[in-house]
Amino acid sequence: MAVLPPDASFNDFARYVEARQGPKTRLELNELWAWRQKLAGVKFDVGRGYRSTLPADEQDLTMNQREAKVVREAKAQGRNIEPVGKRWV
C-alpha cells in the first residue's frame, strides 16, 4: 500500500506506520494519529467560489489580467482611465 486512504482506521494506520518506520510505542502512534487527523482537516481556499461568480471568459485570468482587460475595454469605449491610487493587494 503506497498511501494510506483517508478513511483508514487507527489499526490500519498503526500497521502502515510500523511497516514504514519500524516498531513504535502506543504513545508515539497516538501522537502520529492525532497529527494525521489534524492534517486531514486542513482545507485550502483556492478561490473557486469567487471565480465561479465571474463571467466565463474571466474565470481563468489573474487579477492583473482582469484589470488589463477592464482598462482595454474602457479605452475601446472612449473612456479616459486614470488610476486613483495603489491597489490594496
PDB file of N, CA and C in Angstrom:
ATOM      1  N   MET A   1       0.858  -1.166   0.000  1.00  0.00           N
ATOM      2  CA  MET A   1       0.000   0.000   0.000  1.00  0.00           C
ATOM      3  C   MET A   1       0.906   1.232   0.000  1.00  0.00           C
ATOM      4  N   ALA A   2       0.817   2.047  -1.030  1.00  0.00           N
ATOM      5  CA  ALA A   2       1.700   3.200  -1.169  1.00  0.00           C
ATOM      6  C   ALA A   2       1.268   4.360  -0.277  1.00  0.00           C
ATOM      7  N   VAL A   3      -0.002   4.668  -0.275  1.00  0.00           N
ATOM      8  CA  VAL A   3      -0.524   5.768   0.534  1.00  0.00           C
ATOM      9  C   VAL A   3      -1.737   5.264   1.297  1.00  0.00           C
ATOM     10  N   LEU A   4      -1.809   5.660   2.551  1.00  0.00           N
ATOM     11  CA  LEU A   4      -2.926   5.239   3.391  1.00  0.00           C
ATOM     12  C   LEU A   4      -4.181   6.032   3.010  1.00  0.00           C
ATOM     13  N   PRO A   5      -5.308   5.381   2.774  1.00  0.00           N
ATOM     14  CA  PRO A   5      -6.516   6.119   2.402  1.00  0.00           C
ATOM     15  C   PRO A   5      -7.014   6.991   3.553  1.00  0.00           C
ATOM     16  N   PRO A   6      -7.733   8.061   3.264  1.00  0.00           N
ATOM     17  CA  PRO A   6      -8.198   8.985   4.306  1.00  0.00           C
ATOM     18  C   PRO A   6      -9.135   8.348   5.322  1.00  0.00           C
ATOM     19  N   ASP A   7      -9.862   7.327   4.924  1.00  0.00           N
ATOM     20  CA  ASP A   7     -10.830   6.710   5.833  1.00  0.00           C
ATOM     21  C   ASP A   7     -10.256   5.500   6.580  1.00  0.00           C
ATOM     22  N   ALA A   8      -8.935   5.377   6.630  1.00  0.00           N
ATOM     23  CA  ALA A   8      -8.292   4.245   7.303  1.00  0.00           C
ATOM     24  C   ALA A   8      -8.520   4.321   8.812  1.00  0.00           C
ATOM     25  N   SER A   9      -8.626   3.174   9.435  1.00  0.00           N
ATOM     26  CA  SER A   9      -8.821   3.115  10.886  1.00  0.00           C
ATOM     27  C   SER A   9      -7.473   3.283  11.592  1.00  0.00           C
ATOM     28  N   PHE A  10      -7.534   3.420  12.908  1.00  0.00           N
ATOM     29  CA  PHE A  10      -6.306   3.560  13.688  1.00  0.00           C
ATOM     30  C   PHE A  10      -5.436   2.311  13.550  1.00  0.00           C
ATOM     31  N   ASN A  11      -6.058   1.141  13.526  1.00  0.00           N
ATOM     32  CA  ASN A  11      -5.291  -0.108  13.389  1.00  0.00           C
ATOM     33  C   ASN A  11      -4.592  -0.180  12.031  1.00  0.00           C
ATOM     34  N   ASP A  12      -5.291   0.218  10.971  1.00  0.00           N
ATOM     35  CA  ASP A  12      -4.661   0.275   9.646  1.00  0.00           C
ATOM     36  C   ASP A  12      -3.484   1.237   9.664  1.00  0.00           C
ATOM     37  N   PHE A  13      -3.694   2.386  10.288  1.00  0.00           N
ATOM     38  CA  PHE A  13      -2.645   3.401  10.389  1.00  0.00           C
ATOM     39  C   PHE A  13      -1.452   2.857  11.167  1.00  0.00           C
ATOM     40  N   ALA A  14      -1.694   2.164  12.279  1.00  0.00           N
ATOM     41  CA  ALA A  14      -0.605   1.620  13.099  1.00  0.00           C
ATOM     42  C   ALA A  14       0.201   0.594  12.303  1.00  0.00           C
ATOM     43  N   ARG A  15      -0.481  -0.295  11.585  1.00  0.00           N
ATOM     44  CA  ARG A  15       0.233  -1.277  10.759  1.00  0.00           C
ATOM     45  C   ARG A  15       1.053  -0.590   9.678  1.00  0.00           C
ATOM     46  N   TYR A  16       0.479   0.433   9.050  1.00  0.00           N
ATOM     47  CA  TYR A  16       1.166   1.170   7.986  1.00  0.00           C
ATOM     48  C   TYR A  16       2.432   1.846   8.529  1.00  0.00           C
ATOM     49  N   VAL A  17       2.316   2.529   9.664  1.00  0.00           N
ATOM     50  CA  VAL A  17       3.458   3.241  10.246  1.00  0.00           C
ATOM     51  C   VAL A  17       4.542   2.258  10.648  1.00  0.00           C
ATOM     52  N   GLU A  18       4.182   1.167  11.282  1.00  0.00           N
ATOM     53  CA  GLU A  18       5.180   0.201  11.717  1.00  0.00           C
ATOM     54  C   GLU A  18       5.855  -0.483  10.537  1.00  0.00           C
ATOM     55  N   ALA A  19       5.142  -0.668   9.446  1.00  0.00           N
ATOM     56  CA  ALA A  19       5.755  -1.247   8.251  1.00  0.00           C
ATOM     57  C   ALA A  19       6.748  -0.270   7.626  1.00  0.00           C
ATOM     58  N   ARG A  20       6.456   1.038   7.697  1.00  0.00           N
ATOM     59  CA  ARG A  20       7.321   2.045   7.074  1.00  0.00           C
ATOM     60  C   ARG A  20       8.467   2.492   7.975  1.00  0.00           C
ATOM     61  N   GLN A  21       8.203   2.626   9.282  1.00  0.00           N
ATOM     62  CA  GLN A  21       9.182   3.228  10.182  1.00  0.00           C
ATOM     63  C   GLN A  21       9.671   2.297  11.278  1.00  0.00           C
ATOM     64  N   GLY A  22       9.182   1.093  11.335  1.00  0.00           N
ATOM     65  CA  GLY A  22       9.590   0.170  12.383  1.00  0.00           C
ATOM     66  C   GLY A  22       8.672   0.282  13.596  1.00  0.00           C
ATOM     67  N   PRO A  23       8.985  -0.487  14.634  1.00  0.00           N
ATOM     68  CA  PRO A  23       8.113  -0.506  15.815  1.00  0.00           C
ATOM     69  C   PRO A  23       8.009   0.856  16.494  1.00  0.00           C
ATOM     70  N   LYS A  24       6.820   1.189  16.952  1.00  0.00           N
ATOM     71  CA  LYS A  24       6.545   2.446  17.656  1.00  0.00           C
ATOM     72  C   LYS A  24       5.790   2.127  18.937  1.00  0.00           C
ATOM     73  N   THR A  25       5.966   2.977  19.930  1.00  0.00           N
ATOM     74  CA  THR A  25       5.201   2.802  21.164  1.00  0.00           C
ATOM     75  C   THR A  25       3.771   3.279  20.929  1.00  0.00           C
ATOM     76  N   ARG A  26       2.891   2.913  21.848  1.00  0.00           N
ATOM     77  CA  ARG A  26       1.484   3.332  21.736  1.00  0.00           C
ATOM     78  C   ARG A  26       1.367   4.854  21.806  1.00  0.00           C
ATOM     79  N   LEU A  27       2.199   5.503  22.641  1.00  0.00           N
ATOM     80  CA  LEU A  27       2.185   6.961  22.760  1.00  0.00           C
ATOM     81  C   LEU A  27       2.593   7.617  21.444  1.00  0.00           C
ATOM     82  N   GLU A  28       3.649   7.091  20.816  1.00  0.00           N
ATOM     83  CA  GLU A  28       4.083   7.644  19.528  1.00  0.00           C
ATOM     84  C   GLU A  28       3.002   7.473  18.467  1.00  0.00           C
ATOM     85  N   LEU A  29       2.374   6.294  18.454  1.00  0.00           N
ATOM     86  CA  LEU A  29       1.301   6.069  17.484  1.00  0.00           C
ATOM     87  C   LEU A  29       0.133   7.016  17.721  1.00  0.00           C
ATOM     88  N   ASN A  30      -0.213   7.259  18.992  1.00  0.00           N
ATOM     89  CA  ASN A  30      -1.304   8.189  19.297  1.00  0.00           C
ATOM     90  C   ASN A  30      -0.964   9.601  18.848  1.00  0.00           C
ATOM     91  N   GLU A  31       0.287  10.024  19.051  1.00  0.00           N
ATOM     92  CA  GLU A  31       0.698  11.366  18.613  1.00  0.00           C
ATOM     93  C   GLU A  31       0.670  11.473  17.095  1.00  0.00           C
ATOM     94  N   LEU A  32       1.167  10.439  16.413  1.00  0.00           N
ATOM     95  CA  LEU A  32       1.135  10.450  14.948  1.00  0.00           C
ATOM     96  C   LEU A  32      -0.301  10.436  14.424  1.00  0.00           C
ATOM     97  N   TRP A  33      -1.166   9.685  15.080  1.00  0.00           N
ATOM     98  CA  TRP A  33      -2.574   9.624  14.682  1.00  0.00           C
ATOM     99  C   TRP A  33      -3.235  10.997  14.852  1.00  0.00           C
ATOM    100  N   ALA A  34      -2.948  11.656  15.982  1.00  0.00           N
ATOM    101  CA  ALA A  34      -3.512  12.988  16.223  1.00  0.00           C
ATOM    102  C   ALA A  34      -3.027  13.961  15.156  1.00  0.00           C
ATOM    103  N   TRP A  35      -1.757  13.868  14.792  1.00  0.00           N
ATOM    104  CA  TRP A  35      -1.199  14.737  13.746  1.00  0.00           C
ATOM    105  C   TRP A  35      -1.873  14.447  12.404  1.00  0.00           C
ATOM    106  N   ARG A  36      -2.074  13.180  12.095  1.00  0.00           N
ATOM    107  CA  ARG A  36      -2.741  12.808  10.838  1.00  0.00           C
ATOM    108  C   ARG A  36      -4.165  13.352  10.789  1.00  0.00           C
ATOM    109  N   GLN A  37      -4.884  13.241  11.917  1.00  0.00           N
ATOM    110  CA  GLN A  37      -6.257  13.746  11.968  1.00  0.00           C
ATOM    111  C   GLN A  37      -6.283  15.264  11.780  1.00  0.00           C
ATOM    112  N   LYS A  38      -5.316  15.942  12.375  1.00  0.00           N
ATOM    113  CA  LYS A  38      -5.252  17.398  12.229  1.00  0.00           C
ATOM    114  C   LYS A  38      -4.971  17.781  10.776  1.00  0.00           C
ATOM    115  N   LEU A  39      -4.015  17.094  10.150  1.00  0.00           N
ATOM    116  CA  LEU A  39      -3.688  17.391   8.755  1.00  0.00           C
ATOM    117  C   LEU A  39      -4.838  17.052   7.811  1.00  0.00           C
ATOM    118  N   ALA A  40      -5.592  16.028   8.144  1.00  0.00           N
ATOM    119  CA  ALA A  40      -6.725  15.641   7.294  1.00  0.00           C
ATOM    120  C   ALA A  40      -7.812  16.706   7.314  1.00  0.00           C
ATOM    121  N   GLY A  41      -7.856  17.535   8.352  1.00  0.00           N
ATOM    122  CA  GLY A  41      -8.876  18.563   8.465  1.00  0.00           C
ATOM    123  C   GLY A  41      -8.499  19.883   7.813  1.00  0.00           C
ATOM    124  N   VAL A  42      -7.279  19.991   7.276  1.00  0.00           N
ATOM    125  CA  VAL A  42      -6.833  21.243   6.653  1.00  0.00           C
ATOM    126  C   VAL A  42      -7.516  21.406   5.300  1.00  0.00           C
ATOM    127  N   LYS A  43      -8.084  22.561   5.087  1.00  0.00           N
ATOM    128  CA  LYS A  43      -8.732  22.869   3.810  1.00  0.00           C
ATOM    129  C   LYS A  43      -8.005  24.050   3.167  1.00  0.00           C
ATOM    130  N   PHE A  44      -7.918  24.058   1.852  1.00  0.00           N
ATOM    131  CA  PHE A  44      -7.248  25.117   1.125  1.00  0.00           C
ATOM    132  C   PHE A  44      -8.266  25.924   0.333  1.00  0.00           C
ATOM    133  N   ASP A  45      -8.152  27.238   0.442  1.00  0.00           N
ATOM    134  CA  ASP A  45      -9.019  28.129  -0.324  1.00  0.00           C
ATOM    135  C   ASP A  45      -8.283  28.501  -1.597  1.00  0.00           C
ATOM    136  N   VAL A  46      -8.767  28.031  -2.716  1.00  0.00           N
ATOM    137  CA  VAL A  46      -8.110  28.312  -3.987  1.00  0.00           C
ATOM    138  C   VAL A  46      -8.913  29.298  -4.839  1.00  0.00           C
ATOM    139  N   GLY A  47      -9.946  29.893  -4.270  1.00  0.00           N
ATOM    140  CA  GLY A  47     -10.700  30.923  -4.970  1.00  0.00           C
ATOM    141  C   GLY A  47     -11.743  30.409  -5.941  1.00  0.00           C
ATOM    142  N   ARG A  48     -12.081  29.149  -5.896  1.00  0.00           N
ATOM    143  CA  ARG A  48     -13.068  28.622  -6.844  1.00  0.00           C
ATOM    144  C   ARG A  48     -14.434  29.255  -6.666  1.00  0.00           C
ATOM    145  N   GLY A  49     -14.830  29.517  -5.427  1.00  0.00           N
ATOM    146  CA  GLY A  49     -16.139  30.115  -5.182  1.00  0.00           C
ATOM    147  C   GLY A  49     -16.238  31.502  -5.780  1.00  0.00           C
ATOM    148  N   TYR A  50     -15.214  32.311  -5.574  1.00  0.00           N
ATOM    149  CA  TYR A  50     -15.200  33.652  -6.141  1.00  0.00           C
ATOM    150  C   TYR A  50     -15.138  33.604  -7.658  1.00  0.00           C
ATOM    151  N   ARG A  51     -14.278  32.740  -8.188  1.00  0.00           N
ATOM    152  CA  ARG A  51     -14.133  32.659  -9.646  1.00  0.00           C
ATOM    153  C   ARG A  51     -15.427  32.223 -10.323  1.00  0.00           C
ATOM    154  N   SER A  52     -16.217  31.414  -9.646  1.00  0.00           N
ATOM    155  CA  SER A  52     -17.461  30.950 -10.268  1.00  0.00           C
ATOM    156  C   SER A  52     -18.455  32.092 -10.450  1.00  0.00           C
ATOM    157  N   THR A  53     -18.283  33.202  -9.721  1.00  0.00           N
ATOM    158  CA  THR A  53     -19.179  34.349  -9.875  1.00  0.00           C
ATOM    159  C   THR A  53     -18.770  35.244 -11.037  1.00  0.00           C
ATOM    160  N   LEU A  54     -17.552  35.046 -11.560  1.00  0.00           N
ATOM    161  CA  LEU A  54     -17.073  35.867 -12.672  1.00  0.00           C
ATOM    162  C   LEU A  54     -17.639  35.364 -13.996  1.00  0.00           C
ATOM    163  N   PRO A  55     -17.634  36.233 -15.018  1.00  0.00           N
ATOM    164  CA  PRO A  55     -18.036  35.775 -16.350  1.00  0.00           C
ATOM    165  C   PRO A  55     -17.120  34.643 -16.826  1.00  0.00           C
ATOM    166  N   ALA A  56     -17.603  33.800 -17.705  1.00  0.00           N
ATOM    167  CA  ALA A  56     -16.852  32.616 -18.149  1.00  0.00           C
ATOM    168  C   ALA A  56     -15.501  32.973 -18.752  1.00  0.00           C
ATOM    169  N   ASP A  57     -15.420  34.089 -19.480  1.00  0.00           N
ATOM    170  CA  ASP A  57     -14.147  34.453 -20.116  1.00  0.00           C
ATOM    171  C   ASP A  57     -13.135  35.045 -19.135  1.00  0.00           C
ATOM    172  N   GLU A  58     -13.540  35.312 -17.902  1.00  0.00           N
ATOM    173  CA  GLU A  58     -12.617  35.874 -16.917  1.00  0.00           C
ATOM    174  C   GLU A  58     -12.263  34.897 -15.800  1.00  0.00           C
ATOM    175  N   GLN A  59     -12.812  33.730 -15.797  1.00  0.00           N
ATOM    176  CA  GLN A  59     -12.620  32.810 -14.675  1.00  0.00           C
ATOM    177  C   GLN A  59     -11.185  32.306 -14.547  1.00  0.00           C
ATOM    178  N   ASP A  60     -10.440  32.236 -15.632  1.00  0.00           N
ATOM    179  CA  ASP A  60      -9.064  31.724 -15.569  1.00  0.00           C
ATOM    180  C   ASP A  60      -8.022  32.839 -15.631  1.00  0.00           C
ATOM    181  N   LEU A  61      -8.426  34.087 -15.467  1.00  0.00           N
ATOM    182  CA  LEU A  61      -7.491  35.210 -15.518  1.00  0.00           C
ATOM    183  C   LEU A  61      -7.011  35.580 -14.120  1.00  0.00           C
ATOM    184  N   THR A  62      -5.779  36.079 -14.040  1.00  0.00           N
ATOM    185  CA  THR A  62      -5.272  36.597 -12.780  1.00  0.00           C
ATOM    186  C   THR A  62      -5.862  37.986 -12.547  1.00  0.00           C
ATOM    187  N   MET A  63      -5.630  38.548 -11.362  1.00  0.00           N
ATOM    188  CA  MET A  63      -6.147  39.886 -11.072  1.00  0.00           C
ATOM    189  C   MET A  63      -5.559  40.912 -12.035  1.00  0.00           C
ATOM    190  N   ASN A  64      -4.262  40.808 -12.319  1.00  0.00           N
ATOM    191  CA  ASN A  64      -3.625  41.751 -13.244  1.00  0.00           C
ATOM    192  C   ASN A  64      -4.205  41.618 -14.650  1.00  0.00           C
ATOM    193  N   GLN A  65      -4.453  40.405 -15.092  1.00  0.00           N
ATOM    194  CA  GLN A  65      -5.031  40.204 -16.413  1.00  0.00           C
ATOM    195  C   GLN A  65      -6.455  40.738 -16.484  1.00  0.00           C
ATOM    196  N   ARG A  66      -7.234  40.545 -15.407  1.00  0.00           N
ATOM    197  CA  ARG A  66      -8.599  41.092 -15.394  1.00  0.00           C
ATOM    198  C   ARG A  66      -8.571  42.612 -15.412  1.00  0.00           C
ATOM    199  N   GLU A  67      -7.653  43.200 -14.651  1.00  0.00           N
ATOM    200  CA  GLU A  67      -7.545  44.658 -14.633  1.00  0.00           C
ATOM    201  C   GLU A  67      -7.188  45.183 -16.023  1.00  0.00           C
ATOM    202  N   ALA A  68      -6.207  44.538 -16.679  1.00  0.00           N
ATOM    203  CA  ALA A  68      -5.807  44.962 -18.023  1.00  0.00           C
ATOM    204  C   ALA A  68      -6.975  44.841 -19.001  1.00  0.00           C
ATOM    205  N   LYS A  69      -7.781  43.802 -18.852  1.00  0.00           N
ATOM    206  CA  LYS A  69      -8.939  43.615 -19.723  1.00  0.00           C
ATOM    207  C   LYS A  69      -9.959  44.732 -19.512  1.00  0.00           C
ATOM    208  N   VAL A  70     -10.229  45.088 -18.262  1.00  0.00           N
ATOM    209  CA  VAL A  70     -11.187  46.156 -17.966  1.00  0.00           C
ATOM    210  C   VAL A  70     -10.691  47.480 -18.543  1.00  0.00           C
ATOM    211  N   VAL A  71      -9.396  47.757 -18.388  1.00  0.00           N
ATOM    212  CA  VAL A  71      -8.826  49.002 -18.924  1.00  0.00           C
ATOM    213  C   VAL A  71      -8.927  49.011 -20.443  1.00  0.00           C
ATOM    214  N   ARG A  72      -8.588  47.892 -21.089  1.00  0.00           N
ATOM    215  CA  ARG A  72      -8.691  47.802 -22.551  1.00  0.00           C
ATOM    216  C   ARG A  72     -10.114  48.060 -23.027  1.00  0.00           C
ATOM    217  N   GLU A  73     -11.080  47.408 -22.356  1.00  0.00           N
ATOM    218  CA  GLU A  73     -12.475  47.584 -22.764  1.00  0.00           C
ATOM    219  C   GLU A  73     -12.945  49.024 -22.559  1.00  0.00           C
ATOM    220  N   ALA A  74     -12.518  49.653 -21.470  1.00  0.00           N
ATOM    221  CA  ALA A  74     -12.922  51.033 -21.200  1.00  0.00           C
ATOM    222  C   ALA A  74     -12.311  51.980 -22.240  1.00  0.00           C
ATOM    223  N   LYS A  75     -11.044  51.762 -22.572  1.00  0.00           N
ATOM    224  CA  LYS A  75     -10.403  52.619 -23.581  1.00  0.00           C
ATOM    225  C   LYS A  75     -11.038  52.419 -24.954  1.00  0.00           C
ATOM    226  N   ALA A  76     -11.459  51.175 -25.245  1.00  0.00           N
ATOM    227  CA  ALA A  76     -12.123  50.907 -26.528  1.00  0.00           C
ATOM    228  C   ALA A  76     -13.450  51.643 -26.620  1.00  0.00           C
ATOM    229  N   GLN A  77     -14.085  51.927 -25.473  1.00  0.00           N
ATOM    230  CA  GLN A  77     -15.345  52.665 -25.442  1.00  0.00           C
ATOM    231  C   GLN A  77     -15.113  54.172 -25.407  1.00  0.00           C
ATOM    232  N   GLY A  78     -13.844  54.597 -25.433  1.00  0.00           N
ATOM    233  CA  GLY A  78     -13.530  56.016 -25.448  1.00  0.00           C
ATOM    234  C   GLY A  78     -13.433  56.663 -24.076  1.00  0.00           C
ATOM    235  N   ARG A  79     -13.371  55.878 -23.023  1.00  0.00           N
ATOM    236  CA  ARG A  79     -13.247  56.445 -21.681  1.00  0.00           C
ATOM    237  C   ARG A  79     -11.792  56.749 -21.359  1.00  0.00           C
ATOM    238  N   ASN A  80     -11.599  57.734 -20.509  1.00  0.00           N
ATOM    239  CA  ASN A  80     -10.260  58.098 -20.056  1.00  0.00           C
ATOM    240  C   ASN A  80     -10.008  57.424 -18.709  1.00  0.00           C
ATOM    241  N   ILE A  81      -9.018  56.531 -18.651  1.00  0.00           N
ATOM    242  CA  ILE A  81      -8.738  55.770 -17.445  1.00  0.00           C
ATOM    243  C   ILE A  81      -7.619  56.455 -16.672  1.00  0.00           C
ATOM    244  N   GLU A  82      -7.914  56.817 -15.414  1.00  0.00           N
ATOM    245  CA  GLU A  82      -6.913  57.424 -14.537  1.00  0.00           C
ATOM    246  C   GLU A  82      -6.850  56.628 -13.238  1.00  0.00           C
ATOM    247  N   PRO A  83      -5.687  56.065 -12.931  1.00  0.00           N
ATOM    248  CA  PRO A  83      -5.575  55.322 -11.674  1.00  0.00           C
ATOM    249  C   PRO A  83      -5.798  56.237 -10.472  1.00  0.00           C
ATOM    250  N   VAL A  84      -6.556  55.784  -9.510  1.00  0.00           N
ATOM    251  CA  VAL A  84      -6.854  56.564  -8.320  1.00  0.00           C
ATOM    252  C   VAL A  84      -5.719  56.464  -7.315  1.00  0.00           C
ATOM    253  N   GLY A  85      -5.109  55.321  -7.206  1.00  0.00           N
ATOM    254  CA  GLY A  85      -4.010  55.100  -6.270  1.00  0.00           C
ATOM    255  C   GLY A  85      -3.567  53.663  -6.338  1.00  0.00           C
ATOM    256  N   LYS A  86      -2.722  53.283  -5.405  1.00  0.00           N
ATOM    257  CA  LYS A  86      -2.251  51.914  -5.379  1.00  0.00           C
ATOM    258  C   LYS A  86      -3.367  50.987  -4.944  1.00  0.00           C
ATOM    259  N   ARG A  87      -3.335  49.790  -5.504  1.00  0.00           N
ATOM    260  CA  ARG A  87      -4.300  48.774  -5.083  1.00  0.00           C
ATOM    261  C   ARG A  87      -3.909  48.254  -3.723  1.00  0.00           C
ATOM    262  N   TRP A  88      -4.853  47.729  -3.018  1.00  0.00           N
ATOM    263  CA  TRP A  88      -4.593  47.194  -1.679  1.00  0.00           C
ATOM    264  C   TRP A  88      -3.858  45.871  -1.695  1.00  0.00           C
ATOM    265  N   VAL A  89      -3.824  45.215  -2.867  1.00  0.00           N
ATOM    266  CA  VAL A  89      -3.172  43.910  -2.961  1.00  0.00           C
ATOM    267  C   VAL A  89      -1.697  44.089  -3.168  1.00  0.00           C
TER     268      VAL A  89
END
